[in-house]
Structure formats: structure tokens, C-alpha cells
Amino acid sequence: MSIHNATPIAADSVPSSDATLGARLAAASRCAQGFTSAVNDLAVLAELRELCIAPRPVIGKRDGPAP
């Protein structure tokens, strides 16, 4: 017996095939948890945008193999 229940997904809630893999996985995750497939909260969207454009740390090149 599975603890997971299959939830039908409306065709209009599925990201298009040209969406990134991350966007498709995020939408599927939200649907699986019972949330809408899109984020509509403006505060959450603003925070996500900030995370996406935040600079990522760069680690210097090592001489030799990793420890």
C-alpha cells in the first residue's frame, strides 16, 4: 500500500516543455504537496528573484587533487 496518493494535474498547470528542468521539478513538487503549480505570493516571488540573481561564491583554483 502506497502512502502517496496520485493527484491529477490540470493540463494548464503543467509548465511548458520549454520551461527549465528546475521549473518543471518545482511545479511538480508543489502539486505533489497539494499547492498550486505557480507561486502567486508577491513577497515570495521577490525573494526567489533575489536568490536567483545573488552572486555565487567562487572558490579559487586548487593546485592538485582535492583533499
Protein backbone atom coordinates (compact mmCIF):
# COMPACT_ATOMS: atom_id res chain seq x y z
CA MET A 1 0.00 0.00 0.00
CA SER A 2 1.43 3.34 -1.01
CA ILE A 3 1.44 6.30 1.36
CA HIS A 4 1.33 8.60 -1.66
CA ASN A 5 -1.87 9.41 -3.45
CA ALA A 6 -1.84 10.26 -7.11
CA THR A 7 -3.08 13.80 -7.65
CA PRO A 8 -4.37 14.63 -11.12
CA ILE A 9 -2.67 17.68 -12.58
CA ALA A 10 -4.62 20.05 -14.77
CA ALA A 11 -3.12 20.49 -18.21
CA ASP A 12 -2.95 24.27 -17.79
CA SER A 13 -0.96 23.93 -14.54
CA VAL A 14 1.88 21.95 -16.11
CA PRO A 15 4.87 24.10 -17.15
CA SER A 16 5.53 24.11 -20.87
CA SER A 17 8.20 21.84 -22.30
CA ASP A 18 10.43 24.87 -22.87
CA ALA A 19 10.49 25.60 -19.11
CA THR A 20 13.72 24.74 -17.35
CA LEU A 21 14.07 21.41 -15.61
CA GLY A 22 14.17 23.21 -12.27
CA ALA A 23 10.89 24.99 -13.01
CA ARG A 24 9.22 21.74 -14.01
CA LEU A 25 10.52 19.94 -10.91
CA ALA A 26 9.42 22.79 -8.64
CA ALA A 27 5.92 22.80 -10.15
CA ALA A 28 5.66 19.02 -9.79
CA SER A 29 6.83 19.25 -6.17
CA ARG A 30 4.27 21.95 -5.36
CA CYS A 31 1.49 19.90 -6.97
CA ALA A 32 2.56 16.76 -5.09
CA GLN A 33 2.30 18.68 -1.82
CA GLY A 34 -1.16 19.95 -2.69
CA PHE A 35 -0.11 23.51 -3.51
CA THR A 36 -0.88 25.38 -6.71
CA SER A 37 1.60 24.84 -9.52
CA ALA A 38 2.55 28.52 -9.57
CA VAL A 39 3.70 30.87 -6.83
CA ASN A 40 1.30 33.79 -6.57
CA ASP A 41 2.61 35.46 -3.39
CA LEU A 42 4.45 38.62 -4.46
CA ALA A 43 6.72 38.59 -1.39
CA VAL A 44 7.79 35.01 -2.12
CA LEU A 45 8.36 35.81 -5.80
CA ALA A 46 10.52 38.81 -4.88
CA GLU A 47 12.62 36.69 -2.51
CA LEU A 48 13.04 33.97 -5.13
CA ARG A 49 14.17 36.54 -7.70
CA GLU A 50 16.75 37.89 -5.23
CA LEU A 51 18.07 34.38 -4.67
CA CYS A 52 18.33 33.78 -8.41
CA ILE A 53 20.34 36.94 -9.08
CA ALA A 54 22.52 36.76 -5.94
CA PRO A 55 26.22 36.34 -6.70
CA ARG A 56 27.54 32.87 -6.02
CA PRO A 57 30.80 32.40 -4.14
CA VAL A 58 33.75 31.44 -6.29
CA ILE A 59 36.34 29.09 -4.91
CA GLY A 60 39.90 29.61 -6.07
CA LYS A 61 41.52 27.03 -8.31
CA ARG A 62 43.48 24.36 -6.47
CA ASP A 63 46.87 23.09 -7.41
CA GLY A 64 46.50 19.35 -7.38
CA PRO A 65 43.71 16.99 -6.36
CA ALA A 66 41.05 17.84 -3.81
CA PRO A 67 41.84 16.74 -0.25
